[in-house]
C-alpha cells in the first residue's frame, strides 16, 4: 500500500498530555469529514478545522510507495539517536491510511506511535497513544483511549455522554476562531463546573511552532 502525506516535520507536541515532547508529525492527506474542496466547506461536519490536509505538497509531504519508504523519511526527520523516538500520526484523518505494515515498520524503527483521530474509524490496536477529538454531527466509534480532546464550545455535543467513555484523560481545548477569548473563558468555566476535564491549550501556536 502507498501512503499520501500532506506534510512531515520535527517539532514539539503542542497539545494535550504529551505537550512539550519532541516528535515527528506525519500529517496524512484526506479526511472523511470534509472532502477538502472549498465549495464543500459549508456542508462539512467539522467546519472549524485549522489544518491543511489537502494534497501532498507540504514540506516533507509526498506519496510513499510503501511503509518502509515512509518510515525511512520519519527516521530522517528524527535525526541522530534512537532514544525516545516518538511519531504522531495525524491528518486529516490518519486511520484512512494507517495499516498493519506501517505500524509494524514504525515499531521496528524504535518509535512510540501516537495518533490524533476524529474517532469515526476504529483505531489500529498497535498504536501506543490514542488521542480522539470527537466532532459534533459525526458518529464516534472509538470511545476508548489515552486522551479525549474536545474542542469547546461545540454546539450539538453531549458532554455528559462523552464523560462515560473509557479514556484516561479528558481535555477541553478552546475553539480557535474569531471568538478567541470568549471560547477560552467558556472552556475554563466548563472545567470549573466539570472537574473530570482539564484545560488544554495549543501551546505550539503560542510559541510559533508548526
N, C-alpha and C. Protein backbone atom coordinates (compact mmCIF):
# COMPACT_ATOMS: atom_id res chain seq x y z
N UNK A 1 0.84 -1.20 0.00
CA UNK A 1 0.00 0.00 0.00
C UNK A 1 0.87 1.24 0.00
N UNK A 2 0.48 2.23 -0.79
CA UNK A 2 1.18 3.52 -0.76
C UNK A 2 0.46 4.46 0.20
N UNK A 3 1.16 5.53 0.60
CA UNK A 3 0.62 6.46 1.59
C UNK A 3 0.73 7.88 1.06
N UNK A 4 -0.37 8.64 1.17
CA UNK A 4 -0.39 10.04 0.76
C UNK A 4 -0.22 10.92 2.00
N UNK A 5 0.87 11.68 2.04
CA UNK A 5 1.19 12.50 3.20
C UNK A 5 1.22 13.96 2.78
N UNK A 6 0.48 14.78 3.49
CA UNK A 6 0.46 16.22 3.22
C UNK A 6 1.77 16.86 3.61
N UNK A 7 2.25 16.57 4.83
CA UNK A 7 3.49 17.16 5.32
C UNK A 7 4.07 16.30 6.44
N UNK A 8 5.35 16.50 6.68
CA UNK A 8 6.06 15.79 7.74
C UNK A 8 7.11 16.72 8.30
N UNK A 9 7.24 16.76 9.64
CA UNK A 9 8.19 17.70 10.22
C UNK A 9 8.51 17.30 11.66
N UNK A 10 9.65 17.76 12.13
CA UNK A 10 10.08 17.57 13.51
C UNK A 10 9.71 18.79 14.33
N UNK A 11 9.09 18.59 15.47
CA UNK A 11 8.64 19.71 16.29
C UNK A 11 8.49 19.26 17.73
N UNK A 12 7.85 20.09 18.54
CA UNK A 12 7.42 19.70 19.88
C UNK A 12 5.90 19.54 19.85
N UNK A 13 5.43 18.47 20.44
CA UNK A 13 3.98 18.30 20.54
C UNK A 13 3.41 19.50 21.28
N UNK A 14 2.39 20.12 20.70
CA UNK A 14 1.87 21.36 21.27
C UNK A 14 0.60 21.23 22.07
N UNK A 15 -0.03 20.04 22.04
CA UNK A 15 -1.34 19.90 22.67
C UNK A 15 -1.39 18.67 23.57
N UNK A 16 -2.28 18.72 24.53
CA UNK A 16 -2.62 17.53 25.29
C UNK A 16 -1.58 17.10 26.31
N UNK A 17 -1.74 15.87 26.76
CA UNK A 17 -0.91 15.32 27.83
C UNK A 17 0.55 15.22 27.43
N UNK A 18 0.81 15.00 26.15
CA UNK A 18 2.18 14.83 25.67
C UNK A 18 2.83 16.17 25.27
N UNK A 19 2.20 17.28 25.58
CA UNK A 19 2.72 18.60 25.19
C UNK A 19 4.15 18.79 25.65
N UNK A 20 4.97 19.33 24.75
CA UNK A 20 6.37 19.59 25.05
C UNK A 20 7.30 18.48 24.63
N UNK A 21 6.77 17.37 24.17
CA UNK A 21 7.61 16.23 23.80
C UNK A 21 8.07 16.35 22.35
N UNK A 22 9.33 16.05 22.11
CA UNK A 22 9.89 16.03 20.76
C UNK A 22 9.20 14.96 19.93
N UNK A 23 8.79 15.30 18.72
CA UNK A 23 8.02 14.36 17.92
C UNK A 23 8.16 14.66 16.44
N UNK A 24 8.10 13.61 15.64
CA UNK A 24 7.93 13.77 14.20
C UNK A 24 6.43 13.68 13.92
N UNK A 25 5.90 14.71 13.28
CA UNK A 25 4.49 14.71 12.89
C UNK A 25 4.37 14.25 11.45
N UNK A 26 3.49 13.29 11.23
CA UNK A 26 3.16 12.83 9.88
C UNK A 26 1.69 13.17 9.65
N UNK A 27 1.45 14.17 8.82
CA UNK A 27 0.07 14.59 8.54
C UNK A 27 -0.39 13.93 7.24
N UNK A 28 -1.29 12.97 7.37
CA UNK A 28 -1.81 12.27 6.21
C UNK A 28 -2.82 13.14 5.46
N UNK A 29 -2.82 12.99 4.15
CA UNK A 29 -3.77 13.72 3.31
C UNK A 29 -5.15 13.06 3.40
N UNK A 30 -6.18 13.89 3.34
CA UNK A 30 -7.54 13.37 3.28
C UNK A 30 -8.23 13.31 4.62
N UNK A 31 -9.54 13.49 4.59
CA UNK A 31 -10.37 13.40 5.79
C UNK A 31 -11.77 12.94 5.39
N UNK A 32 -12.37 12.10 6.22
CA UNK A 32 -13.71 11.61 5.91
C UNK A 32 -14.82 12.55 6.39
N UNK A 33 -14.46 13.65 7.05
CA UNK A 33 -15.48 14.62 7.49
C UNK A 33 -15.53 15.86 6.60
N UNK A 34 -14.63 15.93 5.65
CA UNK A 34 -14.63 17.04 4.70
C UNK A 34 -13.88 16.60 3.45
N UNK A 35 -14.42 16.89 2.28
CA UNK A 35 -13.80 16.44 1.04
C UNK A 35 -12.51 17.20 0.75
N UNK A 36 -12.33 18.37 1.37
CA UNK A 36 -11.16 19.18 1.09
C UNK A 36 -11.41 20.21 0.01
N UNK A 37 -12.60 20.18 -0.58
CA UNK A 37 -12.91 21.16 -1.63
C UNK A 37 -13.56 22.38 -0.99
N UNK A 38 -13.06 23.56 -1.34
CA UNK A 38 -13.53 24.79 -0.71
C UNK A 38 -15.03 24.95 -0.86
N UNK A 39 -15.59 24.53 -1.99
CA UNK A 39 -17.01 24.72 -2.21
C UNK A 39 -17.88 23.84 -1.31
N UNK A 40 -17.25 22.85 -0.66
CA UNK A 40 -17.99 21.96 0.22
C UNK A 40 -17.88 22.37 1.69
N UNK A 41 -17.15 23.44 1.98
CA UNK A 41 -16.92 23.82 3.37
C UNK A 41 -18.22 24.03 4.14
N UNK A 42 -19.22 24.63 3.51
CA UNK A 42 -20.48 24.92 4.20
C UNK A 42 -21.21 23.65 4.62
N UNK A 43 -20.91 22.52 3.94
CA UNK A 43 -21.58 21.27 4.27
C UNK A 43 -20.70 20.35 5.12
N UNK A 44 -19.52 20.83 5.46
CA UNK A 44 -18.60 20.00 6.22
C UNK A 44 -19.11 19.78 7.64
N UNK A 45 -18.85 18.60 8.19
CA UNK A 45 -19.21 18.33 9.58
C UNK A 45 -18.29 19.12 10.51
N UNK A 46 -17.00 19.12 10.20
CA UNK A 46 -16.01 19.80 11.03
C UNK A 46 -15.64 21.13 10.39
N UNK A 47 -16.42 22.17 10.66
CA UNK A 47 -16.22 23.46 10.00
C UNK A 47 -15.07 24.26 10.60
N UNK A 48 -14.58 23.84 11.76
CA UNK A 48 -13.56 24.64 12.45
C UNK A 48 -12.16 24.07 12.29
N UNK A 49 -11.96 23.15 11.37
CA UNK A 49 -10.64 22.54 11.19
C UNK A 49 -9.60 23.62 10.91
N UNK A 50 -8.44 23.52 11.59
CA UNK A 50 -7.41 24.54 11.45
C UNK A 50 -6.15 24.01 10.76
N UNK A 51 -6.29 22.89 10.03
CA UNK A 51 -5.14 22.32 9.35
C UNK A 51 -5.43 22.10 7.87
N UNK A 52 -4.38 22.17 7.06
CA UNK A 52 -4.48 21.91 5.63
C UNK A 52 -4.04 20.47 5.38
N UNK A 53 -5.00 19.62 5.01
CA UNK A 53 -4.70 18.21 4.79
C UNK A 53 -4.95 17.81 3.34
N UNK A 54 -5.05 18.80 2.45
CA UNK A 54 -5.37 18.53 1.05
C UNK A 54 -4.09 18.41 0.23
N UNK A 55 -3.96 17.33 -0.52
CA UNK A 55 -2.81 17.16 -1.40
C UNK A 55 -1.59 16.62 -0.67
N UNK A 56 -0.47 16.62 -1.39
CA UNK A 56 0.79 16.07 -0.84
C UNK A 56 1.94 17.04 -1.05
N UNK A 57 1.63 18.34 -1.10
CA UNK A 57 2.62 19.33 -1.49
C UNK A 57 3.27 20.07 -0.34
N UNK A 58 3.03 19.64 0.90
CA UNK A 58 3.63 20.31 2.04
C UNK A 58 5.08 19.88 2.24
N UNK A 59 5.77 20.58 3.13
CA UNK A 59 7.16 20.23 3.45
C UNK A 59 7.21 18.80 3.97
N UNK A 60 8.04 17.97 3.35
CA UNK A 60 8.15 16.58 3.75
C UNK A 60 7.04 15.69 3.24
N UNK A 61 6.09 16.28 2.53
CA UNK A 61 4.96 15.51 2.02
C UNK A 61 5.30 14.75 0.75
N UNK A 62 4.35 13.98 0.28
CA UNK A 62 4.53 13.22 -0.94
C UNK A 62 3.76 11.92 -0.88
N UNK A 63 3.91 11.11 -1.90
CA UNK A 63 3.31 9.78 -1.91
C UNK A 63 4.43 8.77 -1.73
N UNK A 64 4.31 7.97 -0.67
CA UNK A 64 5.34 7.00 -0.33
C UNK A 64 4.89 5.62 -0.78
N UNK A 65 5.77 4.93 -1.48
CA UNK A 65 5.40 3.69 -2.16
C UNK A 65 5.01 2.58 -1.19
N UNK A 66 5.63 2.55 -0.02
CA UNK A 66 5.33 1.50 0.95
C UNK A 66 5.71 1.98 2.34
N UNK A 67 5.45 1.13 3.33
CA UNK A 67 5.71 1.50 4.72
C UNK A 67 7.19 1.76 4.97
N UNK A 68 8.05 0.97 4.36
CA UNK A 68 9.48 1.15 4.57
C UNK A 68 9.94 2.52 4.11
N UNK A 69 9.43 2.98 2.98
CA UNK A 69 9.81 4.29 2.46
C UNK A 69 9.34 5.40 3.39
N UNK A 70 8.13 5.26 3.90
CA UNK A 70 7.60 6.29 4.80
C UNK A 70 8.39 6.32 6.12
N UNK A 71 8.70 5.16 6.66
CA UNK A 71 9.43 5.12 7.92
C UNK A 71 10.86 5.63 7.74
N UNK A 72 11.47 5.38 6.60
CA UNK A 72 12.79 5.95 6.33
C UNK A 72 12.74 7.47 6.39
N UNK A 73 11.67 8.04 5.86
CA UNK A 73 11.51 9.50 5.90
C UNK A 73 11.32 9.99 7.33
N UNK A 74 10.53 9.26 8.11
CA UNK A 74 10.32 9.63 9.52
C UNK A 74 11.64 9.61 10.28
N UNK A 75 12.44 8.58 10.07
CA UNK A 75 13.74 8.48 10.73
C UNK A 75 14.63 9.64 10.30
N UNK A 76 14.56 10.01 9.03
CA UNK A 76 15.34 11.14 8.55
C UNK A 76 15.00 12.43 9.26
N UNK A 77 13.72 12.65 9.54
CA UNK A 77 13.32 13.86 10.26
C UNK A 77 13.72 13.79 11.73
N UNK A 78 13.68 12.60 12.32
CA UNK A 78 14.06 12.46 13.72
C UNK A 78 15.53 12.80 13.92
N UNK A 79 16.37 12.33 13.02
CA UNK A 79 17.80 12.62 13.13
C UNK A 79 18.54 11.58 13.94
N UNK A 80 19.70 11.96 14.44
CA UNK A 80 20.57 11.03 15.15
C UNK A 80 19.97 10.58 16.47
N UNK A 81 20.30 9.36 16.85
CA UNK A 81 19.85 8.84 18.13
C UNK A 81 18.53 8.10 18.01
N UNK A 82 18.41 7.03 18.78
CA UNK A 82 17.19 6.24 18.72
C UNK A 82 16.45 6.19 20.06
N UNK A 83 16.89 6.99 21.03
CA UNK A 83 16.23 7.02 22.34
C UNK A 83 14.95 7.84 22.27
N UNK A 84 13.88 7.29 22.85
CA UNK A 84 12.60 8.02 23.00
C UNK A 84 12.04 8.49 21.66
N UNK A 85 12.26 7.72 20.62
CA UNK A 85 11.69 8.09 19.32
C UNK A 85 10.17 8.13 19.42
N UNK A 86 9.58 9.20 18.89
CA UNK A 86 8.14 9.43 19.03
C UNK A 86 7.60 10.01 17.74
N UNK A 87 6.54 9.39 17.22
CA UNK A 87 5.91 9.87 15.98
C UNK A 87 4.42 10.07 16.24
N UNK A 88 3.87 11.14 15.69
CA UNK A 88 2.45 11.44 15.82
C UNK A 88 1.82 11.33 14.44
N UNK A 89 0.87 10.42 14.29
CA UNK A 89 0.14 10.24 13.05
C UNK A 89 -1.14 11.08 13.14
N UNK A 90 -1.28 12.04 12.23
CA UNK A 90 -2.39 12.96 12.32
C UNK A 90 -2.91 13.24 10.91
N UNK A 91 -3.76 14.21 10.77
CA UNK A 91 -4.36 14.49 9.46
C UNK A 91 -5.01 15.84 9.45
N UNK A 92 -6.09 15.95 8.68
CA UNK A 92 -6.93 14.90 8.12
C UNK A 92 -7.32 13.83 9.11
N UNK A 93 -7.64 12.68 8.53
CA UNK A 93 -7.97 11.51 9.34
C UNK A 93 -6.99 10.39 9.03
N UNK A 94 -6.02 10.16 9.93
CA UNK A 94 -4.97 9.18 9.64
C UNK A 94 -5.45 7.75 9.47
N UNK A 95 -6.57 7.38 10.14
CA UNK A 95 -6.99 5.99 10.07
C UNK A 95 -7.55 5.62 8.69
N UNK A 96 -7.66 6.56 7.79
CA UNK A 96 -7.99 6.23 6.40
C UNK A 96 -6.83 5.51 5.73
N UNK A 97 -5.61 5.65 6.27
CA UNK A 97 -4.44 5.07 5.64
C UNK A 97 -3.60 4.16 6.54
N UNK A 98 -3.63 4.37 7.84
CA UNK A 98 -2.79 3.59 8.75
C UNK A 98 -3.17 2.11 8.68
N UNK A 99 -2.15 1.25 8.54
CA UNK A 99 -2.39 -0.18 8.44
C UNK A 99 -1.33 -0.97 9.19
N UNK A 100 -1.44 -2.31 9.15
CA UNK A 100 -0.50 -3.18 9.87
C UNK A 100 0.94 -2.93 9.46
N UNK A 101 1.16 -2.80 8.15
CA UNK A 101 2.53 -2.66 7.65
C UNK A 101 3.20 -1.42 8.21
N UNK A 102 2.47 -0.32 8.28
CA UNK A 102 3.05 0.92 8.78
C UNK A 102 3.32 0.84 10.28
N UNK A 103 2.37 0.31 11.03
CA UNK A 103 2.56 0.19 12.48
C UNK A 103 3.76 -0.70 12.78
N UNK A 104 3.85 -1.83 12.10
CA UNK A 104 4.97 -2.75 12.34
C UNK A 104 6.30 -2.09 11.98
N UNK A 105 6.34 -1.37 10.86
CA UNK A 105 7.59 -0.74 10.42
C UNK A 105 8.02 0.36 11.37
N UNK A 106 7.08 1.14 11.89
CA UNK A 106 7.42 2.19 12.85
C UNK A 106 7.94 1.59 14.16
N UNK A 107 7.31 0.53 14.62
CA UNK A 107 7.79 -0.12 15.83
C UNK A 107 9.18 -0.73 15.61
N UNK A 108 9.37 -1.32 14.44
CA UNK A 108 10.69 -1.87 14.13
C UNK A 108 11.75 -0.77 14.10
N UNK A 109 11.34 0.44 13.75
CA UNK A 109 12.24 1.59 13.74
C UNK A 109 12.46 2.21 15.11
N UNK A 110 11.85 1.62 16.14
CA UNK A 110 12.05 2.10 17.50
C UNK A 110 11.15 3.23 17.92
N UNK A 111 10.06 3.46 17.19
CA UNK A 111 9.18 4.59 17.50
C UNK A 111 8.01 4.19 18.40
N UNK A 112 7.74 5.03 19.37
CA UNK A 112 6.45 5.01 20.06
C UNK A 112 5.48 5.77 19.16
N UNK A 113 4.30 5.21 18.96
CA UNK A 113 3.36 5.76 17.98
C UNK A 113 2.15 6.37 18.68
N UNK A 114 1.88 7.63 18.37
CA UNK A 114 0.66 8.29 18.82
C UNK A 114 -0.20 8.59 17.60
N UNK A 115 -1.50 8.68 17.81
CA UNK A 115 -2.41 9.06 16.74
C UNK A 115 -3.36 10.12 17.24
N UNK A 116 -3.70 11.05 16.35
CA UNK A 116 -4.73 12.05 16.61
C UNK A 116 -5.82 11.82 15.57
N UNK A 117 -6.98 11.37 16.04
CA UNK A 117 -8.05 10.92 15.15
C UNK A 117 -9.37 11.55 15.55
N UNK A 118 -10.30 11.62 14.59
CA UNK A 118 -11.64 12.11 14.92
C UNK A 118 -12.52 11.02 15.52
N UNK A 119 -12.04 9.79 15.54
CA UNK A 119 -12.75 8.71 16.21
C UNK A 119 -13.87 8.07 15.42
N UNK A 120 -14.07 8.45 14.17
CA UNK A 120 -15.14 7.88 13.37
C UNK A 120 -14.76 6.51 12.80
N UNK A 121 -13.47 6.17 12.90
CA UNK A 121 -12.98 4.86 12.48
C UNK A 121 -12.24 4.24 13.65
N UNK A 122 -12.34 2.92 13.79
CA UNK A 122 -11.64 2.25 14.88
C UNK A 122 -10.13 2.43 14.71
N UNK A 123 -9.46 2.74 15.80
CA UNK A 123 -8.02 2.96 15.77
C UNK A 123 -7.29 1.62 15.76
N UNK A 124 -6.18 1.57 15.03
CA UNK A 124 -5.38 0.35 14.96
C UNK A 124 -4.93 -0.06 16.36
N UNK A 125 -5.10 -1.34 16.73
CA UNK A 125 -4.77 -1.76 18.10
C UNK A 125 -3.29 -1.68 18.45
N UNK A 126 -2.41 -1.55 17.46
CA UNK A 126 -0.99 -1.48 17.75
C UNK A 126 -0.48 -0.10 18.10
N UNK A 127 -1.34 0.90 18.06
CA UNK A 127 -0.92 2.27 18.35
C UNK A 127 -0.76 2.44 19.86
N UNK A 128 0.31 3.12 20.25
CA UNK A 128 0.68 3.21 21.67
C UNK A 128 -0.06 4.29 22.43
N UNK A 129 -0.38 5.39 21.77
CA UNK A 129 -1.05 6.52 22.45
C UNK A 129 -2.19 7.00 21.56
N UNK A 130 -3.40 6.90 22.07
CA UNK A 130 -4.59 7.22 21.27
C UNK A 130 -5.23 8.50 21.78
N UNK A 131 -5.28 9.50 20.90
CA UNK A 131 -5.96 10.77 21.19
C UNK A 131 -7.13 10.91 20.22
N UNK A 132 -8.33 11.04 20.77
CA UNK A 132 -9.53 11.17 19.95
C UNK A 132 -10.14 12.56 20.17
N UNK A 133 -10.48 13.21 19.06
CA UNK A 133 -11.13 14.52 19.12
C UNK A 133 -12.48 14.41 18.42
N UNK A 134 -13.55 14.13 19.16
CA UNK A 134 -14.86 13.91 18.53
C UNK A 134 -15.43 15.20 17.96
N UNK A 135 -16.18 15.05 16.88
CA UNK A 135 -16.80 16.18 16.21
C UNK A 135 -18.31 16.02 16.23
N UNK A 136 -19.02 17.04 16.70
CA UNK A 136 -20.47 17.01 16.74
C UNK A 136 -21.01 16.78 15.33
N UNK A 137 -22.01 15.92 15.23
CA UNK A 137 -22.59 15.61 13.92
C UNK A 137 -22.01 14.37 13.29
N UNK A 138 -20.96 13.81 13.89
CA UNK A 138 -20.38 12.56 13.40
C UNK A 138 -20.55 11.48 14.46
N UNK A 139 -20.42 10.23 14.05
CA UNK A 139 -20.54 9.12 15.00
C UNK A 139 -19.16 8.69 15.46
N UNK A 140 -18.90 8.81 16.74
CA UNK A 140 -17.62 8.40 17.30
C UNK A 140 -17.70 6.92 17.65
N UNK A 141 -16.92 6.10 16.94
CA UNK A 141 -16.90 4.66 17.21
C UNK A 141 -15.75 4.28 18.12
N UNK A 142 -14.68 5.10 18.14
CA UNK A 142 -13.54 4.85 19.03
C UNK A 142 -13.78 5.60 20.33
N UNK A 143 -14.32 4.89 21.33
CA UNK A 143 -14.72 5.53 22.58
C UNK A 143 -13.83 5.12 23.75
N UNK A 144 -12.60 4.76 23.42
CA UNK A 144 -11.62 4.44 24.46
C UNK A 144 -10.25 4.88 23.97
N UNK A 145 -9.36 5.11 24.91
CA UNK A 145 -8.02 5.54 24.54
C UNK A 145 -7.33 6.23 25.69
N UNK A 146 -6.25 6.93 25.36
CA UNK A 146 -5.45 7.61 26.37
C UNK A 146 -5.96 9.00 26.68
N UNK A 147 -6.29 9.76 25.64
CA UNK A 147 -6.84 11.10 25.89
C UNK A 147 -7.95 11.43 24.92
N UNK A 148 -8.97 12.06 25.45
CA UNK A 148 -10.05 12.60 24.65
C UNK A 148 -9.91 14.12 24.66
N UNK A 149 -9.79 14.70 23.47
CA UNK A 149 -9.59 16.14 23.35
C UNK A 149 -10.80 16.74 22.66
N UNK A 150 -11.60 17.46 23.43
CA UNK A 150 -12.84 18.02 22.91
C UNK A 150 -12.68 19.51 22.67
N UNK A 151 -12.84 19.94 21.43
CA UNK A 151 -12.81 21.36 21.10
C UNK A 151 -14.08 22.00 21.64
N UNK A 152 -13.92 23.18 22.28
CA UNK A 152 -15.04 23.79 23.01
C UNK A 152 -15.07 25.30 22.84
N UNK A 153 -16.26 25.89 22.70
CA UNK A 153 -17.59 25.26 22.66
C UNK A 153 -17.86 24.62 21.29
N UNK A 154 -18.67 23.57 21.33
CA UNK A 154 -19.01 22.84 20.12
C UNK A 154 -20.50 22.47 20.19
N UNK A 155 -21.37 23.30 19.62
CA UNK A 155 -22.82 23.03 19.69
C UNK A 155 -23.16 21.64 19.18
N UNK A 156 -24.10 21.01 19.87
CA UNK A 156 -24.53 19.67 19.47
C UNK A 156 -23.77 18.56 20.14
N UNK A 157 -22.85 18.91 21.04
CA UNK A 157 -22.04 17.92 21.75
C UNK A 157 -22.70 17.54 23.07
N UNK A 158 -22.83 16.24 23.32
CA UNK A 158 -23.38 15.75 24.58
C UNK A 158 -22.21 15.43 25.51
N UNK A 159 -21.79 16.44 26.26
CA UNK A 159 -20.61 16.28 27.11
C UNK A 159 -20.84 15.27 28.23
N UNK A 160 -22.08 15.15 28.68
CA UNK A 160 -22.39 14.18 29.74
C UNK A 160 -22.18 12.76 29.22
N UNK A 161 -22.65 12.48 28.02
CA UNK A 161 -22.47 11.15 27.44
C UNK A 161 -20.99 10.85 27.21
N UNK A 162 -20.24 11.85 26.76
CA UNK A 162 -18.81 11.66 26.49
C UNK A 162 -18.06 11.31 27.77
N UNK A 163 -18.48 11.86 28.88
CA UNK A 163 -17.81 11.57 30.14
C UNK A 163 -17.91 10.10 30.53
N UNK A 164 -18.82 9.37 29.91
CA UNK A 164 -18.96 7.95 30.17
C UNK A 164 -18.06 7.07 29.32
N UNK A 165 -17.31 7.68 28.40
CA UNK A 165 -16.41 6.91 27.54
C UNK A 165 -15.15 6.52 28.31
N UNK A 166 -14.42 5.55 27.79
CA UNK A 166 -13.31 4.95 28.51
C UNK A 166 -11.97 5.58 28.11
N UNK A 167 -11.71 6.77 28.64
CA UNK A 167 -10.44 7.47 28.40
C UNK A 167 -9.75 7.76 29.73
N UNK A 168 -8.43 7.81 29.68
CA UNK A 168 -7.66 8.11 30.89
C UNK A 168 -7.72 9.60 31.19
N UNK A 169 -7.60 10.44 30.15
CA UNK A 169 -7.57 11.89 30.30
C UNK A 169 -8.68 12.52 29.47
N UNK A 170 -9.38 13.48 30.06
CA UNK A 170 -10.42 14.24 29.36
C UNK A 170 -9.97 15.70 29.29
N UNK A 171 -9.74 16.18 28.07
CA UNK A 171 -9.19 17.52 27.86
C UNK A 171 -10.18 18.38 27.09
N UNK A 172 -10.31 19.63 27.52
CA UNK A 172 -11.16 20.60 26.85
C UNK A 172 -10.26 21.66 26.23
N UNK A 173 -10.36 21.83 24.92
CA UNK A 173 -9.48 22.75 24.20
C UNK A 173 -10.29 23.88 23.57
N UNK A 174 -10.00 25.13 23.91
CA UNK A 174 -10.78 26.24 23.36
C UNK A 174 -10.74 26.29 21.84
N UNK A 175 -11.90 26.49 21.24
CA UNK A 175 -12.01 26.63 19.79
C UNK A 175 -11.22 27.85 19.34
N UNK A 176 -10.37 27.66 18.34
CA UNK A 176 -9.54 28.74 17.82
C UNK A 176 -10.24 29.40 16.65
N UNK A 177 -11.07 30.40 16.96
CA UNK A 177 -11.74 31.15 15.89
C UNK A 177 -11.85 32.61 16.32
N UNK A 178 -12.70 33.37 15.64
CA UNK A 178 -12.79 34.81 15.89
C UNK A 178 -13.27 35.13 17.31
N UNK A 179 -13.96 34.20 17.96
CA UNK A 179 -14.46 34.46 19.31
C UNK A 179 -13.33 34.53 20.33
N UNK A 180 -12.22 33.85 20.03
CA UNK A 180 -11.00 33.98 20.82
C UNK A 180 -11.16 33.82 22.31
N UNK A 181 -11.03 34.93 23.03
CA UNK A 181 -11.02 34.92 24.49
C UNK A 181 -12.33 34.38 25.06
N UNK A 182 -13.44 34.60 24.35
CA UNK A 182 -14.73 34.08 24.83
C UNK A 182 -14.72 32.56 24.86
N UNK A 183 -14.08 31.94 23.87
CA UNK A 183 -14.00 30.48 23.86
C UNK A 183 -13.11 29.97 24.98
N UNK A 184 -12.02 30.68 25.25
CA UNK A 184 -11.15 30.30 26.37
C UNK A 184 -11.93 30.38 27.68
N UNK A 185 -12.68 31.47 27.84
CA UNK A 185 -13.46 31.64 29.07
C UNK A 185 -14.52 30.54 29.20
N UNK A 186 -15.15 30.18 28.08
CA UNK A 186 -16.17 29.13 28.11
C UNK A 186 -15.56 27.79 28.49
N UNK A 187 -14.37 27.49 27.96
CA UNK A 187 -13.70 26.24 28.28
C UNK A 187 -13.30 26.22 29.76
N UNK A 188 -12.75 27.32 30.24
CA UNK A 188 -12.35 27.40 31.64
C UNK A 188 -13.56 27.22 32.56
N UNK A 189 -14.66 27.86 32.22
CA UNK A 189 -15.86 27.77 33.05
C UNK A 189 -16.38 26.33 33.09
N UNK A 190 -16.32 25.65 31.96
CA UNK A 190 -16.80 24.27 31.90
C UNK A 190 -15.92 23.35 32.74
N UNK A 191 -14.60 23.57 32.70
CA UNK A 191 -13.69 22.77 33.52
C UNK A 191 -13.96 23.02 35.02
N UNK A 192 -14.24 24.26 35.36
CA UNK A 192 -14.53 24.57 36.77
C UNK A 192 -15.82 23.89 37.22
N UNK A 193 -16.77 23.76 36.30
CA UNK A 193 -18.05 23.12 36.63
C UNK A 193 -17.96 21.60 36.57
N UNK A 194 -17.08 21.08 35.73
CA UNK A 194 -17.00 19.64 35.50
C UNK A 194 -15.54 19.19 35.71
N UNK A 195 -15.17 18.86 36.93
CA UNK A 195 -13.76 18.64 37.28
C UNK A 195 -13.12 17.41 36.63
N UNK A 196 -13.88 16.59 35.94
CA UNK A 196 -13.26 15.48 35.24
C UNK A 196 -12.37 15.98 34.10
N UNK A 197 -12.65 17.19 33.63
CA UNK A 197 -11.95 17.74 32.48
C UNK A 197 -10.77 18.60 32.90
N UNK A 198 -9.78 18.69 32.00
CA UNK A 198 -8.64 19.59 32.17
C UNK A 198 -8.57 20.51 30.96
N UNK A 199 -8.08 21.73 31.19
CA UNK A 199 -7.92 22.68 30.10
C UNK A 199 -6.66 22.33 29.30
N UNK A 200 -6.79 22.32 27.98
CA UNK A 200 -5.66 22.07 27.09
C UNK A 200 -5.53 23.23 26.12
N UNK A 201 -4.36 23.85 26.10
CA UNK A 201 -4.11 24.97 25.19
C UNK A 201 -3.19 24.54 24.05
N UNK A 202 -3.31 25.20 22.92
CA UNK A 202 -2.47 24.91 21.76
C UNK A 202 -1.16 25.69 21.91
N UNK A 203 -0.25 25.14 22.70
CA UNK A 203 0.97 25.87 23.03
C UNK A 203 1.88 26.06 21.81
N UNK A 204 1.75 25.20 20.81
CA UNK A 204 2.57 25.39 19.61
C UNK A 204 2.24 26.70 18.91
N UNK A 205 0.98 27.11 18.98
CA UNK A 205 0.59 28.38 18.38
C UNK A 205 1.12 29.54 19.22
N UNK A 206 1.10 29.40 20.52
CA UNK A 206 1.63 30.43 21.38
C UNK A 206 3.15 30.61 21.19
N UNK A 207 3.84 29.50 20.89
CA UNK A 207 5.30 29.53 20.72
C UNK A 207 5.74 29.74 19.29
N UNK A 208 4.80 29.75 18.36
CA UNK A 208 5.14 29.94 16.96
C UNK A 208 5.72 28.69 16.31
N UNK A 209 5.38 27.51 16.85
CA UNK A 209 5.84 26.25 16.27
C UNK A 209 4.80 25.71 15.29
N UNK A 210 5.24 24.78 14.42
CA UNK A 210 4.31 24.16 13.50
C UNK A 210 3.46 23.15 14.23
